Protein backbone atom coordinates (compact mmCIF):
# COMPACT_ATOMS: atom_id res chain seq x y z
CA MET A 1 245.47 45.31 29.15
CA ARG A 2 246.15 48.46 27.83
CA GLY A 3 244.30 48.51 24.59
CA ARG A 4 240.89 46.66 27.31
CA GLN A 5 241.52 49.84 29.11
CA LEU A 6 241.67 52.81 25.76
CA GLN A 7 238.51 51.01 24.43
CA CYS A 8 236.58 50.94 27.24
CA ILE A 9 237.45 54.72 28.20
CA ARG A 10 236.71 55.66 24.03
CA THR A 11 233.42 53.35 24.98
CA SER A 12 232.12 55.35 27.88
CA MET A 13 233.68 58.98 25.63
CA PHE A 14 231.45 57.78 23.04
CA ARG A 15 228.38 56.92 25.36
CA ARG A 16 228.51 60.51 27.62
CA TYR A 17 228.66 61.99 23.84
CA ILE A 18 226.26 60.69 22.75
CA TYR A 19 223.97 61.34 25.91
CA ARG A 20 224.40 64.73 25.71
CA TYR A 21 223.46 64.73 22.37
CA ILE A 22 220.05 62.76 22.42
CA CYS A 23 219.57 65.41 25.57
CA LEU A 24 220.34 68.66 23.51
CA PHE A 25 218.44 67.30 20.71
CA PHE A 26 215.33 66.84 23.49
CA ILE A 27 215.67 70.19 24.38
CA VAL A 28 216.33 71.45 20.94
CA VAL A 29 212.65 69.63 19.89
CA SER A 30 210.96 70.77 23.12
CA SER A 31 211.78 74.32 22.49
CA LEU A 32 210.41 73.80 18.96
CA TRP A 33 207.22 72.41 20.92
CA ILE A 34 206.17 75.80 21.94
CA ILE A 35 207.55 78.16 19.96
CA PHE A 36 206.80 76.14 16.55
CA PRO A 37 203.53 74.16 17.79
CA CYS A 38 202.67 70.89 15.76
CA LYS A 39 200.45 71.31 12.78
CA LYS A 40 199.05 67.92 12.80
CA CYS A 41 197.09 68.97 16.54
CA GLU A 42 194.28 70.31 17.75
CA ARG A 43 193.03 74.37 17.74
CA ILE A 44 196.47 75.96 17.36
CA LEU A 45 196.41 79.49 16.72
CA SER A 46 197.42 80.79 14.02
CA LYS A 47 199.47 84.03 14.16
CA ASN A 48 199.72 87.22 12.13
CA ASP A 49 203.33 88.26 12.29
CA GLN A 50 202.19 91.52 10.56
CA SER A 51 200.12 93.14 13.80
CA ILE A 52 202.76 91.98 16.59
CA GLY A 53 204.37 94.85 17.63
CA THR A 54 200.42 97.13 18.67
CA TYR A 55 200.09 97.10 22.25
CA ASP A 56 196.32 98.67 21.02
CA ILE A 57 193.46 97.76 22.98
CA PRO A 58 189.82 97.81 21.47
CA ASN A 59 187.12 98.17 23.94
CA ILE A 60 185.34 95.32 23.63
CA VAL A 61 183.88 93.58 25.93
CA HIS A 62 184.01 89.61 25.69
CA PHE A 63 181.48 86.87 27.92
CA ILE A 64 181.71 83.22 27.30
CA THR A 65 178.42 80.78 28.12
CA GLY A 66 177.02 77.18 26.72
CA GLN A 67 180.48 75.45 26.81
CA GLY A 68 178.85 72.19 27.27
CA ASP A 69 180.09 69.19 29.43
CA ALA A 70 180.99 66.00 29.00
CA SER A 71 178.06 63.32 30.79
CA GLU A 72 178.25 62.96 34.43
CA THR A 73 179.85 58.70 33.98
CA ILE A 74 183.27 60.89 32.96
CA LEU A 75 182.76 64.58 35.33
CA ASP A 76 183.34 61.31 37.61
CA ARG A 77 186.46 59.55 36.89
CA PHE A 78 187.60 62.63 34.97
CA GLY A 79 186.46 66.16 35.85
CA PRO A 80 188.20 68.31 37.68
CA ARG A 81 188.51 68.49 42.03
CA LEU A 82 188.35 71.73 43.69
CA GLY A 83 190.27 69.52 46.73
CA SER A 84 187.68 66.23 47.66
CA ARG A 85 184.37 68.34 46.15
CA ARG A 86 183.90 68.36 42.06
CA MET A 87 182.94 70.77 39.74
CA GLU A 88 179.68 70.25 39.26
CA ARG A 89 178.10 71.22 35.35
CA ALA A 90 176.64 74.63 34.20
CA PRO A 91 173.74 75.21 35.21
CA SER A 92 170.53 74.56 32.24
CA GLU A 93 169.68 78.29 32.47
CA PHE A 94 170.88 81.83 32.39
CA GLN A 95 170.63 82.97 35.48
CA LEU A 96 169.60 86.84 36.98
CA ILE A 97 172.31 87.35 38.23
CA ASN A 98 174.72 86.76 34.19
CA TYR A 99 172.25 89.93 33.06
CA LEU A 100 173.01 91.96 35.68
CA VAL A 101 176.75 90.91 34.88
CA LEU A 102 175.59 92.37 31.13
CA LEU A 103 174.14 95.52 32.49
CA SER A 104 177.31 96.24 34.43
CA ALA A 105 179.31 96.03 31.64
CA ARG A 106 177.41 98.48 29.95
CA LYS A 107 177.00 100.75 32.24
CA HIS A 108 180.50 100.86 33.14
CA ILE A 109 182.76 99.67 30.79
CA ASN A 110 180.58 100.95 27.66
CA PRO A 111 182.25 99.36 24.78
CA ASP A 112 182.53 99.29 21.66
CA GLN A 113 181.12 95.83 21.50
CA ILE A 114 179.97 93.08 23.89
CA TYR A 115 180.18 89.87 22.47
CA ILE A 116 178.46 86.28 23.92
CA HIS A 117 180.92 83.28 22.11
CA TYR A 118 179.00 80.21 22.93
CA SER A 119 178.32 77.05 21.38
CA LEU A 120 175.20 75.79 22.83
CA GLU A 121 173.07 79.10 22.73
CA PRO A 122 171.21 79.71 26.38
CA THR A 123 167.84 79.41 27.80
CA GLY A 124 165.83 80.76 30.39
CA TYR A 125 163.21 84.32 30.31
CA TRP A 126 167.37 86.07 31.80
CA TRP A 127 169.07 84.90 28.26
CA LEU A 128 165.54 85.99 26.03
CA LYS A 129 165.69 89.87 28.72
CA ALA A 130 168.87 89.78 27.59
CA LYS A 131 169.06 88.97 24.28
CA TYR A 132 165.82 91.17 23.23
CA ASP A 133 167.44 94.27 25.22
CA LEU A 134 168.73 97.36 23.29
CA GLN A 135 170.67 99.27 25.75
CA LEU A 136 172.59 95.80 26.01
CA ASN A 137 173.00 95.77 22.43
CA LEU A 138 174.82 91.97 22.46
CA THR A 139 176.57 90.64 19.56
CA LEU A 140 175.99 87.23 19.36
CA ASN A 141 178.65 84.50 17.69
CA GLN A 142 177.93 80.83 18.11
CA ILE A 143 181.26 79.08 18.45
CA PRO A 144 182.96 75.27 17.68
CA GLN A 145 182.35 73.13 20.89
CA ILE A 146 185.79 72.63 22.06
CA THR A 147 187.09 69.60 22.87
CA SER A 148 190.22 69.22 23.38
CA ILE A 149 193.49 70.39 23.18
CA TYR A 150 195.89 69.32 22.00
CA ASN A 151 194.57 65.63 21.92
CA HIS A 152 193.66 66.22 25.74
CA PRO A 153 190.03 65.90 26.03
CA LEU A 154 187.95 68.68 27.62
CA TYR A 155 185.03 67.53 29.72
CA HIS A 156 184.25 70.27 31.94
CA HIS A 157 182.85 73.60 30.55
CA ALA A 158 185.17 76.29 32.74
CA HIS A 159 188.01 73.97 31.09
CA ARG A 160 186.82 74.26 27.35
CA SER A 161 185.90 78.49 28.14
CA ASP A 162 189.30 78.69 29.76
CA ILE A 163 190.47 77.37 26.28
CA ALA A 164 188.45 79.58 24.14
CA ARG A 165 188.94 82.96 25.94
CA LEU A 166 192.31 82.51 24.17
CA GLU A 167 191.34 81.37 21.88
CA ILE A 168 188.71 85.14 21.07
CA LEU A 169 191.40 87.45 22.53
CA ASN A 170 194.15 86.34 19.83
CA LYS A 171 191.37 86.97 17.44
CA TYR A 172 189.96 89.93 18.05
CA GLY A 173 191.71 91.15 21.46
CA GLY A 174 189.35 93.30 24.69
CA ILE A 175 188.82 93.06 27.42
CA TYR A 176 187.06 88.75 28.61
CA LEU A 177 185.51 88.80 31.87
CA ASP A 178 184.01 85.63 33.22
CA LEU A 179 179.92 86.07 33.31
CA ASP A 180 180.49 86.45 37.79
CA VAL A 181 182.25 89.43 37.05
CA LEU A 182 180.27 92.34 38.61
CA ILE A 183 181.73 95.29 36.63
CA LEU A 184 182.37 98.29 39.40
CA LYS A 185 184.02 101.40 37.55
CA SER A 186 185.28 101.97 33.68
CA PHE A 187 187.90 100.41 32.58
CA SER A 188 189.38 103.31 29.91
CA LYS A 189 192.45 103.49 32.08
CA LEU A 190 193.63 99.79 31.76
CA ILE A 191 192.48 99.74 28.40
CA LEU A 192 194.96 102.73 27.35
CA ASN A 193 197.85 99.94 27.93
CA SER A 194 200.06 101.90 29.34
CA TYR A 195 202.81 99.72 30.40
CA GLN A 196 202.75 98.97 27.60
CA VAL A 197 202.41 94.76 27.80
CA GLU A 198 200.78 92.19 26.32
CA ALA A 199 198.15 91.11 28.24
CA ILE A 200 196.97 92.49 31.87
CA PHE A 201 195.71 90.37 35.29
CA ALA A 202 195.35 90.77 38.30
CA TRP A 203 196.74 88.69 41.47
CA GLU A 204 194.88 86.17 42.87
CA ASN A 205 196.28 85.21 45.84
CA LYS A 206 200.14 87.04 44.95
CA ASP A 207 201.78 85.15 48.15
CA TYR A 208 200.99 81.48 46.17
CA ASN A 209 201.83 83.49 42.56
CA ALA A 210 198.29 82.26 41.42
CA ILE A 211 196.79 84.85 38.82
CA CYS A 212 192.51 84.40 38.00
CA ASN A 213 191.91 84.33 34.16
CA ALA A 214 188.19 85.97 34.88
CA VAL A 215 189.02 89.36 33.20
CA ILE A 216 192.23 89.29 31.43
CA ILE A 217 193.17 92.34 29.28
CA ALA A 218 194.85 92.17 25.98
CA PRO A 219 195.72 93.55 22.19
CA ILE A 220 195.19 91.55 19.91
CA TYR A 221 197.92 88.52 19.30
CA SER A 222 198.51 89.38 22.48
CA LYS A 223 201.84 86.47 22.74
CA PHE A 224 202.42 85.99 26.02
CA LEU A 225 198.41 84.40 25.66
CA GLN A 226 200.21 82.33 22.91
CA ARG A 227 203.18 81.15 25.02
CA LEU A 228 199.56 80.69 27.49
CA TYR A 229 197.77 78.33 25.12
CA GLN A 230 201.05 76.26 24.31
CA SER A 231 201.89 75.48 27.79
CA TYR A 232 198.36 73.04 27.63
CA GLN A 233 200.29 70.65 25.58
CA SER A 234 200.74 69.33 29.54
CA PHE A 235 196.98 69.60 30.20
CA ASN A 236 195.78 67.23 33.30
CA SER A 237 191.47 67.37 33.55
CA SER A 238 191.68 66.55 36.94
CA CYS A 239 193.28 69.84 38.08
CA TRP A 240 190.64 73.08 38.54
CA ALA A 241 192.99 75.78 38.27
CA CYS A 242 196.74 74.04 37.56
CA HIS A 243 197.02 75.79 34.02
CA SER A 244 194.13 78.72 34.35
CA VAL A 245 195.33 79.99 37.53
CA LEU A 246 198.64 78.67 39.43
CA LEU A 247 200.82 78.23 35.53
CA THR A 248 199.20 81.68 34.11
CA GLY A 249 200.63 83.05 37.76
CA GLN A 250 204.10 81.24 36.91
CA LEU A 251 204.23 82.31 33.30
CA ALA A 252 203.77 85.98 33.68
CA THR A 253 206.80 85.53 36.28
CA ILE A 254 208.75 84.02 34.13
CA TYR A 255 207.59 87.00 31.24
CA SER A 256 207.07 89.72 33.16
CA ASN A 257 207.80 91.93 30.83
CA GLU A 258 204.54 90.96 29.13
CA VAL A 259 202.51 92.01 31.47
CA TYR A 260 201.34 93.75 33.76
CA VAL A 261 199.47 92.23 36.91
CA LEU A 262 197.58 94.06 39.38
CA PRO A 263 196.65 94.23 43.12
CA SER A 264 194.38 91.84 43.91
CA ASN A 265 191.52 94.48 45.00
CA ALA A 266 191.62 95.21 41.26
CA PHE A 267 189.14 92.58 40.82
CA PHE A 268 189.17 89.38 43.20
CA GLU A 269 188.27 90.74 46.44
CA PRO A 270 186.84 89.65 48.82
CA SER A 271 188.24 86.77 47.93
CA TRP A 272 187.38 83.28 47.60
CA SER A 273 188.62 82.27 51.21
CA HIS A 274 186.97 85.60 52.75
CA ILE A 275 183.84 84.50 50.81
CA GLU A 276 181.66 86.06 54.02
CA GLU A 277 182.90 89.59 54.05
CA LEU A 278 180.70 89.24 50.24
CA TYR A 279 178.04 87.53 50.81
CA LEU A 280 177.39 87.93 54.78
CA TYR A 281 178.09 90.89 56.08
CA ASN A 282 178.49 94.78 54.82
CA LYS A 283 181.69 96.01 55.74
CA TYR A 284 184.34 95.93 52.51
CA ASN A 285 184.73 99.54 50.95
CA PHE A 286 184.96 98.58 47.24
CA HIS A 287 185.95 101.77 46.01
CA LYS A 288 189.99 100.09 44.84
CA ASN A 289 187.66 97.66 42.85
CA TYR A 290 187.45 98.17 38.64
CA ALA A 291 185.47 94.95 39.42
CA CYS A 292 184.27 91.63 41.33
CA HIS A 293 184.22 88.17 40.97
CA LEU A 294 181.37 86.38 42.90
CA TRP A 295 183.45 83.00 42.75
CA ASN A 296 180.44 80.98 40.98
CA SER A 297 181.95 77.67 41.13
CA TYR A 298 182.37 77.88 44.60
CA ILE A 299 179.05 78.73 45.75
CA GLY A 300 176.84 79.31 43.25
CA ASN A 301 174.32 77.40 44.85
CA LEU A 302 174.44 79.27 47.92
CA PHE A 303 174.00 82.59 46.34
CA LEU A 304 173.50 83.53 43.19
CA TYR A 305 171.30 80.90 41.40
CA ASN A 306 168.78 81.42 44.28
CA LEU A 307 169.14 85.62 43.52
CA THR A 308 165.97 87.37 43.13
CA LEU A 309 165.34 90.66 42.57
CA ASN A 310 163.19 90.91 45.33
CA SER A 311 166.09 89.94 47.67
CA ILE A 312 168.26 92.91 46.31
CA LEU A 313 165.77 95.11 46.34
CA LYS A 314 164.91 94.91 49.45
CA PRO A 315 166.86 92.41 51.48
CA LYS A 316 165.92 91.17 54.72
CA THR A 317 170.00 91.72 55.77
CA MET A 318 172.18 94.37 53.85
CA THR A 319 175.73 92.62 52.26
CA THR A 320 178.07 93.72 50.57
CA PHE A 321 177.08 92.26 47.43
CA ILE A 322 173.71 93.79 47.26
CA ARG A 323 175.45 97.04 47.69
CA MET A 324 177.34 96.29 44.98
CA ILE A 325 175.06 95.13 43.02
CA ILE A 326 173.35 97.73 43.77
CA HIS A 327 175.87 100.39 42.55
CA ALA A 328 176.41 98.32 39.71
CA VAL A 329 173.64 98.51 37.56
CA GLY A 330 171.08 101.32 39.68
CA ASN A 331 168.29 101.64 42.02
CA GLU A 332 166.30 102.72 38.67
CA LYS A 333 167.61 100.29 36.40
CA LEU A 334 166.76 97.30 39.56
CA ASN A 335 162.99 98.53 39.35
CA SER A 336 162.67 98.84 35.95
CA ILE A 337 163.69 95.44 35.53
CA ALA A 338 160.84 94.16 38.39
CA ARG A 339 158.55 96.20 37.46
CA GLU A 340 158.70 94.73 33.18
CA LYS A 341 159.39 91.37 35.22
CA PHE A 342 156.31 91.58 37.14
CA LEU A 343 154.19 92.71 33.71
CA ASN A 344 155.12 89.71 31.69
CA LYS A 345 154.17 87.13 35.01
């Protein structure tokens, strides 16, 4: 009897040891997956060890456009949703607001280079205007279309752009901006990187630990952005902002010594939850804003895609949005663009 009990105890202990070693094995493998990702997986960032440790941020601005979308059928089934609303495809043409955003970056940041990275070249009047604008002096860079990350499909242009911006900043460093981020003052204090960090962001909503990736400032080979890239091993195409906003905030909290997070009014106020302060009223004081995210994905169809020069120069009602554009671009420049467009009719 005792022999059987002893045998059972030994068997139980053996199973426990096996279970512990199995658990330890998976913990080690999971850690190695983050530190040394599988080379067979798609689109792994290269890492130049000799450059790690420098915090210099080059005065280069990056924009991304023309990433394309999957078909309507695929987006209906697998595309990202904001609540119950499926996120829309990218507009077919480059918009006036995109051109004004480029002008605001040239005026207030005055970068050494403005890159436009695209897979599918945009079309329309405002694209040609931007492309051949000598003042803007754009550097066009065609990149491969990104359709998957770690074998997870990327169906929506915004998710493809989420990956592209991390790869681009890893390669070049500098300032990444969405094409609906209007620049309101110089970024010179930010790119000095006196914080000595791997990346600079701003809170979208600090209460919810949310950091929007519409503005990212980083040195080349940012360790934090590489962590963020590797986190896409758990990507879910149906979730709109799980990685780009929520997981970014979580990682910034965990690796707080690697990032500096500015208050939300640096880039993201008025917020999307108070959108009327931007587009309907004229009370918001933006003197603390370096920039303003215009929330294109949320309200583009209502306020941005139908924007005209006439509605800026001769508005029926003055709003914070119109006041920001006039400040960002300048009355003289806006009138010059309007005259040129009239002559080209």
